[in-house]
Amino acid sequence: MSDTLRSYLNQIGKIPLLTAAEEIELGHAIQRMMAVEAKDEYTKTELKILRIGKRAKNRMIQGNLRLVIGVASKYKHMANRLTIHDLVQEGNIGLIRAVELFDPERGYKFSTYAYWWIRQGIMRAIQVQDRIIKLPTGANDLLRKVKIYSTQYQEEHGVIPTIEQCAEYAEVTTETMRSYIRGSADATSLDAKLNTGKEDASAMIDMISCPDENPEEEILLETKIEAVKQALEHMNSVHKQAIILRFGLDGSLPCSKREISRKMGIGQETVKRLLETAKKEIRLILKEGPPGKSQPQKCSSSLIWGWG
C-alpha cells in the first residue's frame, strides 16, 4: 500500500459512518435539492433547500468513501495499467451518482444501492481506460464468458474450441469474435524490460531484428558503387562503353554480348576480348587509383582514396 493511499484511508477513517435513519434523512434532503436545482431562479426558501441539500450530499458521500475503497480493492486484480488510486477515483464518481439518484422511500440500504454504481464506474474505467486497444462496449464481458466456456469445453473434450464454436456460443459472427480476440491481446511498450529476473535485462526493442541490411554493409556497398563510378571516368572510352552496356551502369538493362556487338558495330569475338580488357582496366584503377597517381592504394574505396 502506498503512502498516499494509507494517508487517504487515515483521513476517511475519521469520518463517522451513517446510521439508517441518517441515510433516510439525508436522502430526502438531497432529493429536495435535486428537484429545486432544475429551476432557473430560486426563492429564499429554495436557496435554503439548496444549502441544506449540498451539505447532505457531501455528508452522504463522505460517509461512504470507505465503501469505494472496498469495491476498488475487490476489482484491482482486473486492471493492468490503472492503479488502485485510479479505481478509487472512478468509484467515487459512481458514488456521487448513486447519492444523487438514491430514493430512501424504497426501503433498502444506501450501501446496497451505491455498490452497483461504484462497481459500474470501476468496471467501465477498466474496460475503457485500462487498454491501449479499445474494445466495443460489452466485448470484455463477452470475452470473459467465452473464456469460461473455453475452459469447460477443454475439460470435457480435451481440445480447445475453435473460433467458430466460440462465436456460436457467444451469438456473434466469426469475424466479430476473431476481431475481439485479436484486440484482447494488449499492447506492450518496446522499451519494457524482458521478464528474465535480472536488473540489467534487455529491452524488448533490442531483441527485434532489423529487416534492412546492416548499416555498415550498406555504407560499404554505396562506397563501392561510388568508387566504380569514379573509376569509369578514367577508363578508355571504348572500354567504358562496353562495361556500361554489359552491366547496365547507365540505368538501363544489362546487354548481352550479341546486343553489344550490334550497338557498337563490332563482332562478338571482339566484344568478348574488349570486355576482358575493360574488366582488367577497371580492376587496376580500383586497386591502384587512376593513371598518374604516385602511390598504389590497397583499399577498394575511392572515397577513402580521396581521388576523383
C-alpha atoms as a PDB file:
ATOM      1  CA  MET A   1       0.000   0.000   0.000  1.00  0.00           C
ATOM      2  CA  SER A   2       1.398   3.387  -0.979  1.00  0.00           C
ATOM      3  CA  ASP A   3       1.850   6.244   1.477  1.00  0.00           C
ATOM      4  CA  THR A   4      -0.725   8.305  -0.411  1.00  0.00           C
ATOM      5  CA  LEU A   5      -3.399   5.620  -0.116  1.00  0.00           C
ATOM      6  CA  ARG A   6      -2.537   4.992   3.528  1.00  0.00           C
ATOM      7  CA  SER A   7      -2.887   8.714   4.293  1.00  0.00           C
ATOM      8  CA  TYR A   8      -6.222   8.783   2.443  1.00  0.00           C
ATOM      9  CA  LEU A   9      -7.502   5.810   4.436  1.00  0.00           C
ATOM     10  CA  ASN A  10      -6.475   7.502   7.695  1.00  0.00           C
ATOM     11  CA  GLN A  11      -8.393  10.635   6.727  1.00  0.00           C
ATOM     12  CA  ILE A  12     -11.632   8.933   5.702  1.00  0.00           C
ATOM     13  CA  GLY A  13     -11.361   6.567   8.669  1.00  0.00           C
ATOM     14  CA  LYS A  14     -12.014   9.532  10.959  1.00  0.00           C
ATOM     15  CA  ILE A  15     -15.369  10.239   9.285  1.00  0.00           C
ATOM     16  CA  PRO A  16     -18.208   8.568  11.241  1.00  0.00           C
ATOM     17  CA  LEU A  17     -20.431   6.127   9.382  1.00  0.00           C
ATOM     18  CA  LEU A  18     -24.086   6.935   8.774  1.00  0.00           C
ATOM     19  CA  THR A  19     -26.943   5.255  10.557  1.00  0.00           C
ATOM     20  CA  ALA A  20     -30.007   4.012   8.679  1.00  0.00           C
ATOM     21  CA  ALA A  21     -32.036   6.961   9.979  1.00  0.00           C
ATOM     22  CA  GLU A  22     -29.394   9.451   8.865  1.00  0.00           C
ATOM     23  CA  GLU A  23     -29.307   7.918   5.359  1.00  0.00           C
ATOM     24  CA  ILE A  24     -33.068   8.399   5.029  1.00  0.00           C
ATOM     25  CA  GLU A  25     -32.958  11.973   6.327  1.00  0.00           C
ATOM     26  CA  LEU A  26     -30.025  12.931   4.099  1.00  0.00           C
ATOM     27  CA  GLY A  27     -31.604  11.162   1.128  1.00  0.00           C
ATOM     28  CA  HIS A  28     -34.789  13.234   1.441  1.00  0.00           C
ATOM     29  CA  ALA A  29     -32.750  16.464   1.686  1.00  0.00           C
ATOM     30  CA  ILE A  30     -30.805  15.544  -1.429  1.00  0.00           C
ATOM     31  CA  GLN A  31     -33.964  14.723  -3.365  1.00  0.00           C
ATOM     32  CA  ARG A  32     -35.469  18.100  -2.484  1.00  0.00           C
ATOM     33  CA  MET A  33     -32.245  19.792  -3.604  1.00  0.00           C
ATOM     34  CA  MET A  34     -32.231  17.909  -6.920  1.00  0.00           C
ATOM     35  CA  ALA A  35     -35.811  18.980  -7.608  1.00  0.00           C
ATOM     36  CA  VAL A  36     -35.012  22.652  -6.924  1.00  0.00           C
ATOM     37  CA  GLU A  37     -31.778  22.677  -8.970  1.00  0.00           C
ATOM     38  CA  ALA A  38     -33.756  22.246 -12.206  1.00  0.00           C
ATOM     39  CA  LYS A  39     -35.181  25.770 -11.857  1.00  0.00           C
ATOM     40  CA  ASP A  40     -33.638  28.929 -13.314  1.00  0.00           C
ATOM     41  CA  GLU A  41     -34.428  31.230 -10.384  1.00  0.00           C
ATOM     42  CA  TYR A  42     -34.705  30.477  -6.678  1.00  0.00           C
ATOM     43  CA  THR A  43     -36.713  31.882  -3.797  1.00  0.00           C
ATOM     44  CA  LYS A  44     -35.238  32.317  -0.316  1.00  0.00           C
ATOM     45  CA  THR A  45     -36.817  29.042   0.761  1.00  0.00           C
ATOM     46  CA  GLU A  46     -35.403  27.244  -2.254  1.00  0.00           C
ATOM     47  CA  LEU A  47     -31.942  28.702  -1.620  1.00  0.00           C
ATOM     48  CA  LYS A  48     -32.129  27.289   1.893  1.00  0.00           C
ATOM     49  CA  ILE A  49     -33.130  23.892   0.465  1.00  0.00           C
ATOM     50  CA  LEU A  50     -30.116  24.028  -1.854  1.00  0.00           C
ATOM     51  CA  ARG A  51     -27.723  24.810   1.011  1.00  0.00           C
ATOM     52  CA  ILE A  52     -29.113  22.021   3.168  1.00  0.00           C
ATOM     53  CA  GLY A  53     -29.115  19.616   0.230  1.00  0.00           C
ATOM     54  CA  LYS A  54     -25.470  20.303  -0.673  1.00  0.00           C
ATOM     55  CA  ARG A  55     -24.381  19.712   2.918  1.00  0.00           C
ATOM     56  CA  ALA A  56     -26.427  16.499   2.979  1.00  0.00           C
ATOM     57  CA  LYS A  57     -24.858  15.356  -0.290  1.00  0.00           C
ATOM     58  CA  ASN A  58     -21.328  15.971   0.975  1.00  0.00           C
ATOM     59  CA  ARG A  59     -22.131  14.142   4.223  1.00  0.00           C
ATOM     60  CA  MET A  60     -23.586  11.170   2.336  1.00  0.00           C
ATOM     61  CA  ILE A  61     -20.547  10.970   0.060  1.00  0.00           C
ATOM     62  CA  GLN A  62     -18.003  11.270   2.860  1.00  0.00           C
ATOM     63  CA  GLY A  63     -19.804   8.661   4.959  1.00  0.00           C
ATOM     64  CA  ASN A  64     -19.436   6.067   2.180  1.00  0.00           C
ATOM     65  CA  LEU A  65     -15.894   6.664   0.914  1.00  0.00           C
ATOM     66  CA  ARG A  66     -14.736   3.516   2.710  1.00  0.00           C
ATOM     67  CA  LEU A  67     -17.231   1.517   0.654  1.00  0.00           C
ATOM     68  CA  VAL A  68     -15.475   2.712  -2.521  1.00  0.00           C
ATOM     69  CA  ILE A  69     -12.107   1.515  -1.170  1.00  0.00           C
ATOM     70  CA  GLY A  70     -13.575  -1.919  -0.533  1.00  0.00           C
ATOM     71  CA  VAL A  71     -15.066  -2.246  -4.017  1.00  0.00           C
ATOM     72  CA  ALA A  72     -11.911  -0.942  -5.738  1.00  0.00           C
ATOM     73  CA  SER A  73      -9.743  -3.431  -3.795  1.00  0.00           C
ATOM     74  CA  LYS A  74     -12.018  -6.267  -4.927  1.00  0.00           C
ATOM     75  CA  TYR A  75     -11.573  -5.477  -8.636  1.00  0.00           C
ATOM     76  CA  LYS A  76      -7.988  -4.170  -8.752  1.00  0.00           C
ATOM     77  CA  HIS A  77      -6.726  -7.581  -9.973  1.00  0.00           C
ATOM     78  CA  MET A  78      -8.590  -6.975 -13.253  1.00  0.00           C
ATOM     79  CA  ALA A  79      -6.640  -3.781 -14.042  1.00  0.00           C
ATOM     80  CA  ASN A  80      -3.269  -3.792 -15.785  1.00  0.00           C
ATOM     81  CA  ARG A  81      -2.377  -0.112 -16.086  1.00  0.00           C
ATOM     82  CA  LEU A  82      -4.862   1.568 -13.765  1.00  0.00           C
ATOM     83  CA  THR A  83      -3.690   1.827 -10.173  1.00  0.00           C
ATOM     84  CA  ILE A  84      -5.833   1.461  -7.067  1.00  0.00           C
ATOM     85  CA  HIS A  85      -5.873   5.270  -6.888  1.00  0.00           C
ATOM     86  CA  ASP A  86      -7.409   5.451 -10.370  1.00  0.00           C
ATOM     87  CA  LEU A  87     -10.046   2.872  -9.462  1.00  0.00           C
ATOM     88  CA  VAL A  88     -10.936   4.746  -6.282  1.00  0.00           C
ATOM     89  CA  GLN A  89     -11.409   7.971  -8.246  1.00  0.00           C
ATOM     90  CA  GLU A  90     -13.697   6.255 -10.752  1.00  0.00           C
ATOM     91  CA  GLY A  91     -15.569   4.577  -7.903  1.00  0.00           C
ATOM     92  CA  ASN A  92     -16.068   7.940  -6.211  1.00  0.00           C
ATOM     93  CA  ILE A  93     -17.706   9.238  -9.391  1.00  0.00           C
ATOM     94  CA  GLY A  94     -20.087   6.294  -9.256  1.00  0.00           C
ATOM     95  CA  LEU A  95     -20.760   7.028  -5.581  1.00  0.00           C
ATOM     96  CA  ILE A  96     -21.677  10.638  -6.368  1.00  0.00           C
ATOM     97  CA  ARG A  97     -24.135   9.442  -8.996  1.00  0.00           C
ATOM     98  CA  ALA A  98     -25.657   6.996  -6.521  1.00  0.00           C
ATOM     99  CA  VAL A  99     -26.092   9.757  -3.943  1.00  0.00           C
ATOM    100  CA  GLU A 100     -27.959  11.907  -6.469  1.00  0.00           C
ATOM    101  CA  LEU A 101     -30.328   9.108  -7.520  1.00  0.00           C
ATOM    102  CA  PHE A 102     -30.916   7.366  -4.177  1.00  0.00           C
ATOM    103  CA  ASP A 103     -34.593   7.090  -3.209  1.00  0.00           C
ATOM    104  CA  PRO A 104     -34.929   6.425   0.551  1.00  0.00           C
ATOM    105  CA  GLU A 105     -38.623   5.568   0.165  1.00  0.00           C
ATOM    106  CA  ARG A 106     -37.819   2.231  -1.440  1.00  0.00           C
ATOM    107  CA  GLY A 107     -36.660   0.812   1.875  1.00  0.00           C
ATOM    108  CA  TYR A 108     -33.203  -0.616   1.049  1.00  0.00           C
ATOM    109  CA  LYS A 109     -29.863   0.473   2.498  1.00  0.00           C
ATOM    110  CA  PHE A 110     -27.896   3.079   0.611  1.00  0.00           C
ATOM    111  CA  SER A 111     -24.747   0.891   0.546  1.00  0.00           C
ATOM    112  CA  THR A 112     -26.677  -1.818  -1.341  1.00  0.00           C
ATOM    113  CA  TYR A 113     -27.811   0.712  -3.937  1.00  0.00           C
ATOM    114  CA  ALA A 114     -24.448   2.511  -4.176  1.00  0.00           C
ATOM    115  CA  TYR A 115     -22.463  -0.712  -4.618  1.00  0.00           C
ATOM    116  CA  TRP A 116     -23.855  -1.182  -8.139  1.00  0.00           C
ATOM    117  CA  TRP A 117     -22.993   2.390  -9.210  1.00  0.00           C
ATOM    118  CA  ILE A 118     -19.499   2.190  -7.713  1.00  0.00           C
ATOM    119  CA  ARG A 119     -18.838  -1.139  -9.378  1.00  0.00           C
ATOM    120  CA  GLN A 120     -20.131   0.156 -12.708  1.00  0.00           C
ATOM    121  CA  GLY A 121     -17.781   3.166 -12.573  1.00  0.00           C
ATOM    122  CA  ILE A 122     -14.781   0.973 -11.789  1.00  0.00           C
ATOM    123  CA  MET A 123     -15.576  -1.668 -14.417  1.00  0.00           C
ATOM    124  CA  ARG A 124     -16.187   0.955 -17.095  1.00  0.00           C
ATOM    125  CA  ALA A 125     -12.801   2.514 -16.314  1.00  0.00           C
ATOM    126  CA  ILE A 126     -11.113  -0.877 -16.609  1.00  0.00           C
ATOM    127  CA  GLN A 127     -12.809  -1.558 -19.942  1.00  0.00           C
ATOM    128  CA  VAL A 128     -12.244   1.888 -21.474  1.00  0.00           C
ATOM    129  CA  GLN A 129      -9.122   3.380 -19.883  1.00  0.00           C
ATOM    130  CA  ASP A 130      -7.041   0.340 -18.954  1.00  0.00           C
ATOM    131  CA  ARG A 131      -6.341  -0.758 -22.523  1.00  0.00           C
ATOM    132  CA  ILE A 132      -4.384   0.789 -25.375  1.00  0.00           C
ATOM    133  CA  ILE A 133      -6.526  -1.121 -27.867  1.00  0.00           C
ATOM    134  CA  LYS A 134     -10.132  -0.102 -27.229  1.00  0.00           C
ATOM    135  CA  LEU A 135     -12.821  -2.748 -27.467  1.00  0.00           C
ATOM    136  CA  PRO A 136     -16.541  -2.113 -28.018  1.00  0.00           C
ATOM    137  CA  THR A 137     -18.842  -1.852 -25.005  1.00  0.00           C
ATOM    138  CA  GLY A 138     -19.690  -5.331 -23.770  1.00  0.00           C
ATOM    139  CA  ALA A 139     -16.769  -7.008 -25.537  1.00  0.00           C
ATOM    140  CA  ASN A 140     -14.906  -7.662 -22.282  1.00  0.00           C
ATOM    141  CA  ASP A 141     -17.943  -9.325 -20.686  1.00  0.00           C
ATOM    142  CA  LEU A 142     -18.398 -11.446 -23.798  1.00  0.00           C
ATOM    143  CA  LEU A 143     -14.736 -12.469 -23.783  1.00  0.00           C
ATOM    144  CA  ARG A 144     -14.942 -13.464 -20.105  1.00  0.00           C
ATOM    145  CA  LYS A 145     -17.936 -15.692 -20.861  1.00  0.00           C
ATOM    146  CA  VAL A 146     -16.111 -17.234 -23.821  1.00  0.00           C
ATOM    147  CA  LYS A 147     -13.047 -17.858 -21.651  1.00  0.00           C
ATOM    148  CA  ILE A 148     -15.160 -19.762 -19.125  1.00  0.00           C
ATOM    149  CA  TYR A 149     -16.818 -21.688 -21.952  1.00  0.00           C
ATOM    150  CA  SER A 150     -13.420 -22.491 -23.490  1.00  0.00           C
ATOM    151  CA  THR A 151     -12.104 -23.823 -20.164  1.00  0.00           C
ATOM    152  CA  GLN A 152     -15.143 -26.017 -19.627  1.00  0.00           C
ATOM    153  CA  TYR A 153     -15.076 -27.264 -23.227  1.00  0.00           C
ATOM    154  CA  GLN A 154     -11.389 -28.179 -22.935  1.00  0.00           C
ATOM    155  CA  GLU A 155     -12.019 -30.113 -19.702  1.00  0.00           C
ATOM    156  CA  GLU A 156     -14.856 -32.073 -21.312  1.00  0.00           C
ATOM    157  CA  HIS A 157     -13.380 -32.744 -24.776  1.00  0.00           C
ATOM    158  CA  GLY A 158      -9.631 -32.409 -24.265  1.00  0.00           C
ATOM    159  CA  VAL A 159      -9.222 -29.820 -27.034  1.00  0.00           C
ATOM    160  CA  ILE A 160      -9.608 -26.054 -27.293  1.00  0.00           C
ATOM    161  CA  PRO A 161     -12.831 -24.945 -29.061  1.00  0.00           C
ATOM    162  CA  THR A 162     -12.486 -23.295 -32.460  1.00  0.00           C
ATOM    163  CA  ILE A 163     -13.256 -19.633 -33.080  1.00  0.00           C
ATOM    164  CA  GLU A 164     -16.413 -20.709 -34.910  1.00  0.00           C
ATOM    165  CA  GLN A 165     -17.617 -22.649 -31.846  1.00  0.00           C
ATOM    166  CA  CYS A 166     -16.843 -19.699 -29.544  1.00  0.00           C
ATOM    167  CA  ALA A 167     -18.681 -17.329 -31.894  1.00  0.00           C
ATOM    168  CA  GLU A 168     -21.703 -19.626 -31.963  1.00  0.00           C
ATOM    169  CA  TYR A 169     -21.731 -19.819 -28.158  1.00  0.00           C
ATOM    170  CA  ALA A 170     -21.445 -16.012 -27.835  1.00  0.00           C
ATOM    171  CA  GLU A 171     -24.053 -15.489 -30.590  1.00  0.00           C
ATOM    172  CA  VAL A 172     -21.803 -13.248 -32.684  1.00  0.00           C
ATOM    173  CA  THR A 173     -20.267 -13.649 -36.116  1.00  0.00           C
ATOM    174  CA  THR A 174     -16.963 -15.468 -36.557  1.00  0.00           C
ATOM    175  CA  GLU A 175     -15.280 -12.290 -37.818  1.00  0.00           C
ATOM    176  CA  THR A 176     -16.500 -10.344 -34.771  1.00  0.00           C
ATOM    177  CA  MET A 177     -15.166 -12.990 -32.427  1.00  0.00           C
ATOM    178  CA  ARG A 178     -11.854 -13.041 -34.283  1.00  0.00           C
ATOM    179  CA  SER A 179     -11.520  -9.248 -34.024  1.00  0.00           C
ATOM    180  CA  TYR A 180     -12.359  -9.346 -30.284  1.00  0.00           C
ATOM    181  CA  ILE A 181      -9.700 -11.984 -29.670  1.00  0.00           C
ATOM    182  CA  ARG A 182      -7.105 -10.005 -31.634  1.00  0.00           C
ATOM    183  CA  GLY A 183      -7.968  -6.845 -29.727  1.00  0.00           C
ATOM    184  CA  SER A 184      -7.854  -8.609 -26.352  1.00  0.00           C
ATOM    185  CA  ALA A 185      -4.088  -9.100 -26.713  1.00  0.00           C
ATOM    186  CA  ASP A 186      -2.954  -5.897 -25.042  1.00  0.00           C
ATOM    187  CA  ALA A 187      -0.054  -3.872 -26.433  1.00  0.00           C
ATOM    188  CA  THR A 188       3.336  -3.768 -24.744  1.00  0.00           C
ATOM    189  CA  SER A 189       5.887  -0.976 -24.737  1.00  0.00           C
ATOM    190  CA  LEU A 190       9.011  -1.677 -26.821  1.00  0.00           C
ATOM    191  CA  ASP A 191      11.026  -0.072 -24.017  1.00  0.00           C
ATOM    192  CA  ALA A 192       9.748  -2.623 -21.485  1.00  0.00           C
ATOM    193  CA  LYS A 193      12.397  -4.884 -19.972  1.00  0.00           C
ATOM    194  CA  LEU A 194      12.252  -8.599 -20.668  1.00  0.00           C
ATOM    195  CA  ASN A 195      10.974 -10.633 -17.737  1.00  0.00           C
ATOM    196  CA  THR A 196      14.221 -12.516 -17.049  1.00  0.00           C
ATOM    197  CA  GLY A 197      14.526 -11.710 -13.373  1.00  0.00           C
ATOM    198  CA  LYS A 198      17.706  -9.709 -13.935  1.00  0.00           C
ATOM    199  CA  GLU A 199      18.094  -5.999 -13.283  1.00  0.00           C
ATOM    200  CA  ASP A 200      20.167  -5.486 -16.450  1.00  0.00           C
ATOM    201  CA  ALA A 201      17.654  -7.274 -18.694  1.00  0.00           C
ATOM    202  CA  SER A 202      17.495  -6.076 -22.289  1.00  0.00           C
ATOM    203  CA  ALA A 203      14.601  -4.022 -23.584  1.00  0.00           C
ATOM    204  CA  MET A 204      12.176  -5.689 -25.977  1.00  0.00           C
ATOM    205  CA  ILE A 205      13.178  -3.345 -28.810  1.00  0.00           C
ATOM    206  CA  ASP A 206      16.787  -4.582 -28.554  1.00  0.00           C
ATOM    207  CA  MET A 207      15.657  -8.130 -29.349  1.00  0.00           C
ATOM    208  CA  ILE A 208      13.852  -7.260 -32.609  1.00  0.00           C
ATOM    209  CA  SER A 209      15.940  -7.929 -35.688  1.00  0.00           C
ATOM    210  CA  CYS A 210      16.228  -5.197 -38.278  1.00  0.00           C
ATOM    211  CA  PRO A 211      14.660  -6.195 -41.635  1.00  0.00           C
ATOM    212  CA  ASP A 212      17.045  -3.920 -43.531  1.00  0.00           C
ATOM    213  CA  GLU A 213      20.677  -4.550 -44.365  1.00  0.00           C
ATOM    214  CA  ASN A 214      23.414  -3.948 -41.840  1.00  0.00           C
ATOM    215  CA  PRO A 215      24.172  -0.172 -41.864  1.00  0.00           C
ATOM    216  CA  GLU A 216      27.898  -0.838 -42.181  1.00  0.00           C
ATOM    217  CA  GLU A 217      27.357  -3.158 -45.152  1.00  0.00           C
ATOM    218  CA  GLU A 218      25.021  -0.618 -46.756  1.00  0.00           C
ATOM    219  CA  ILE A 219      27.594   2.161 -46.401  1.00  0.00           C
ATOM    220  CA  LEU A 220      30.320  -0.116 -47.775  1.00  0.00           C
ATOM    221  CA  LEU A 221      28.129  -1.004 -50.774  1.00  0.00           C
ATOM    222  CA  GLU A 222      27.415   2.664 -51.503  1.00  0.00           C
ATOM    223  CA  THR A 223      31.129   3.414 -51.217  1.00  0.00           C
ATOM    224  CA  LYS A 224      31.987   0.681 -53.729  1.00  0.00           C
ATOM    225  CA  ILE A 225      29.353   1.943 -56.151  1.00  0.00           C
ATOM    226  CA  GLU A 226      30.815   5.446 -55.933  1.00  0.00           C
ATOM    227  CA  ALA A 227      34.313   4.031 -56.498  1.00  0.00           C
ATOM    228  CA  VAL A 228      33.168   2.264 -59.687  1.00  0.00           C
ATOM    229  CA  LYS A 229      31.531   5.464 -60.972  1.00  0.00           C
ATOM    230  CA  GLN A 230      34.769   7.398 -60.423  1.00  0.00           C
ATOM    231  CA  ALA A 231      36.849   4.627 -61.991  1.00  0.00           C
ATOM    232  CA  LEU A 232      34.710   4.749 -65.156  1.00  0.00           C
ATOM    233  CA  GLU A 233      35.696   8.388 -65.655  1.00  0.00           C
ATOM    234  CA  HIS A 234      39.364   7.356 -66.008  1.00  0.00           C
ATOM    235  CA  MET A 235      38.838   4.410 -68.381  1.00  0.00           C
ATOM    236  CA  ASN A 236      39.391   4.163 -72.095  1.00  0.00           C
ATOM    237  CA  SER A 237      36.209   5.446 -73.766  1.00  0.00           C
ATOM    238  CA  VAL A 238      35.619   2.212 -75.752  1.00  0.00           C
ATOM    239  CA  HIS A 239      36.200   0.058 -72.663  1.00  0.00           C
ATOM    240  CA  LYS A 240      33.925   2.316 -70.645  1.00  0.00           C
ATOM    241  CA  GLN A 241      31.114   2.000 -73.196  1.00  0.00           C
ATOM    242  CA  ALA A 242      31.415  -1.794 -73.223  1.00  0.00           C
ATOM    243  CA  ILE A 243      31.335  -2.074 -69.430  1.00  0.00           C
ATOM    244  CA  ILE A 244      28.337   0.264 -69.148  1.00  0.00           C
ATOM    245  CA  LEU A 245      26.379  -1.688 -71.762  1.00  0.00           C
ATOM    246  CA  ARG A 246      27.299  -5.096 -70.305  1.00  0.00           C
ATOM    247  CA  PHE A 247      26.238  -4.297 -66.714  1.00  0.00           C
ATOM    248  CA  GLY A 248      23.617  -1.592 -67.322  1.00  0.00           C
ATOM    249  CA  LEU A 249      25.567   1.009 -65.333  1.00  0.00           C
ATOM    250  CA  ASP A 250      23.660   3.838 -67.023  1.00  0.00           C
ATOM    251  CA  GLY A 251      20.366   2.650 -65.505  1.00  0.00           C
ATOM    252  CA  SER A 252      19.278   0.561 -68.489  1.00  0.00           C
ATOM    253  CA  LEU A 253      19.009  -3.231 -68.601  1.00  0.00           C
ATOM    254  CA  PRO A 254      22.286  -5.211 -68.953  1.00  0.00           C
ATOM    255  CA  CYS A 255      23.057  -6.155 -72.557  1.00  0.00           C
ATOM    256  CA  SER A 256      24.162  -9.493 -73.928  1.00  0.00           C
ATOM    257  CA  LYS A 257      27.350  -9.778 -75.971  1.00  0.00           C
ATOM    258  CA  ARG A 258      25.245 -10.028 -79.121  1.00  0.00           C
ATOM    259  CA  GLU A 259      23.427  -6.771 -78.266  1.00  0.00           C
ATOM    260  CA  ILE A 260      26.744  -5.043 -77.520  1.00  0.00           C
ATOM    261  CA  SER A 261      28.075  -6.291 -80.847  1.00  0.00           C
ATOM    262  CA  ARG A 262      25.098  -4.803 -82.647  1.00  0.00           C
ATOM    263  CA  LYS A 263      25.192  -1.459 -80.799  1.00  0.00           C
ATOM    264  CA  MET A 264      28.951  -0.956 -81.121  1.00  0.00           C
ATOM    265  CA  GLY A 265      29.179  -2.350 -84.668  1.00  0.00           C
ATOM    266  CA  ILE A 266      31.856  -4.955 -83.911  1.00  0.00           C
ATOM    267  CA  GLY A 267      31.990  -8.769 -83.898  1.00  0.00           C
ATOM    268  CA  GLN A 268      31.046 -10.869 -80.896  1.00  0.00           C
ATOM    269  CA  GLU A 269      34.588 -12.244 -80.508  1.00  0.00           C
ATOM    270  CA  THR A 270      35.871  -8.674 -80.466  1.00  0.00           C
ATOM    271  CA  VAL A 271      33.272  -7.815 -77.809  1.00  0.00           C
ATOM    272  CA  LYS A 272      34.444 -10.767 -75.688  1.00  0.00           C
ATOM    273  CA  ARG A 273      38.105  -9.639 -75.814  1.00  0.00           C
ATOM    274  CA  LEU A 274      37.042  -5.999 -75.261  1.00  0.00           C
ATOM    275  CA  LEU A 275      35.113  -6.868 -72.086  1.00  0.00           C
ATOM    276  CA  GLU A 276      38.023  -8.905 -70.684  1.00  0.00           C
ATOM    277  CA  THR A 277      40.378  -5.994 -71.263  1.00  0.00           C
ATOM    278  CA  ALA A 278      37.871  -3.485 -69.803  1.00  0.00           C
ATOM    279  CA  LYS A 279      37.448  -5.590 -66.658  1.00  0.00           C
ATOM    280  CA  LYS A 280      41.192  -5.766 -66.124  1.00  0.00           C
ATOM    281  CA  GLU A 281      41.447  -1.987 -66.626  1.00  0.00           C
ATOM    282  CA  ILE A 282      38.724  -1.128 -64.090  1.00  0.00           C
ATOM    283  CA  ARG A 283      40.137  -3.592 -61.523  1.00  0.00           C
ATOM    284  CA  LEU A 284      43.537  -1.972 -61.899  1.00  0.00           C
ATOM    285  CA  ILE A 285      42.105   1.522 -61.408  1.00  0.00           C
ATOM    286  CA  LEU A 286      40.107   0.398 -58.354  1.00  0.00           C
ATOM    287  CA  LYS A 287      43.212  -1.222 -56.869  1.00  0.00           C
ATOM    288  CA  GLU A 288      45.889   1.356 -57.603  1.00  0.00           C
ATOM    289  CA  GLY A 289      43.949   4.513 -58.354  1.00  0.00           C
ATOM    290  CA  PRO A 290      43.633   6.481 -61.594  1.00  0.00           C
ATOM    291  CA  PRO A 291      46.545   6.810 -64.011  1.00  0.00           C
ATOM    292  CA  GLY A 292      49.196   9.224 -62.809  1.00  0.00           C
ATOM    293  CA  LYS A 293      48.660   8.555 -59.105  1.00  0.00           C
ATOM    294  CA  SER A 294      52.058   8.191 -57.475  1.00  0.00           C
ATOM    295  CA  GLN A 295      51.338   5.715 -54.647  1.00  0.00           C
ATOM    296  CA  PRO A 296      49.391   2.456 -55.133  1.00  0.00           C
ATOM    297  CA  GLN A 297      46.331   2.064 -52.893  1.00  0.00           C
ATOM    298  CA  LYS A 298      45.334  -1.142 -51.112  1.00  0.00           C
ATOM    299  CA  CYS A 299      41.791  -0.054 -50.286  1.00  0.00           C
ATOM    300  CA  SER A 300      38.823  -0.694 -52.545  1.00  0.00           C
ATOM    301  CA  SER A 301      37.071   2.549 -51.634  1.00  0.00           C
ATOM    302  CA  SER A 302      37.609   5.625 -53.789  1.00  0.00           C
ATOM    303  CA  LEU A 303      36.123   7.773 -51.017  1.00  0.00           C
ATOM    304  CA  ILE A 304      38.975   6.670 -48.791  1.00  0.00           C
ATOM    305  CA  TRP A 305      41.460   7.080 -51.595  1.00  0.00           C
ATOM    306  CA  GLY A 306      40.405  10.658 -51.990  1.00  0.00           C
ATOM    307  CA  TRP A 307      40.704  10.685 -55.774  1.00  0.00           C
ATOM    308  CA  GLY A 308      38.198  11.501 -58.464  1.00  0.00           C
END
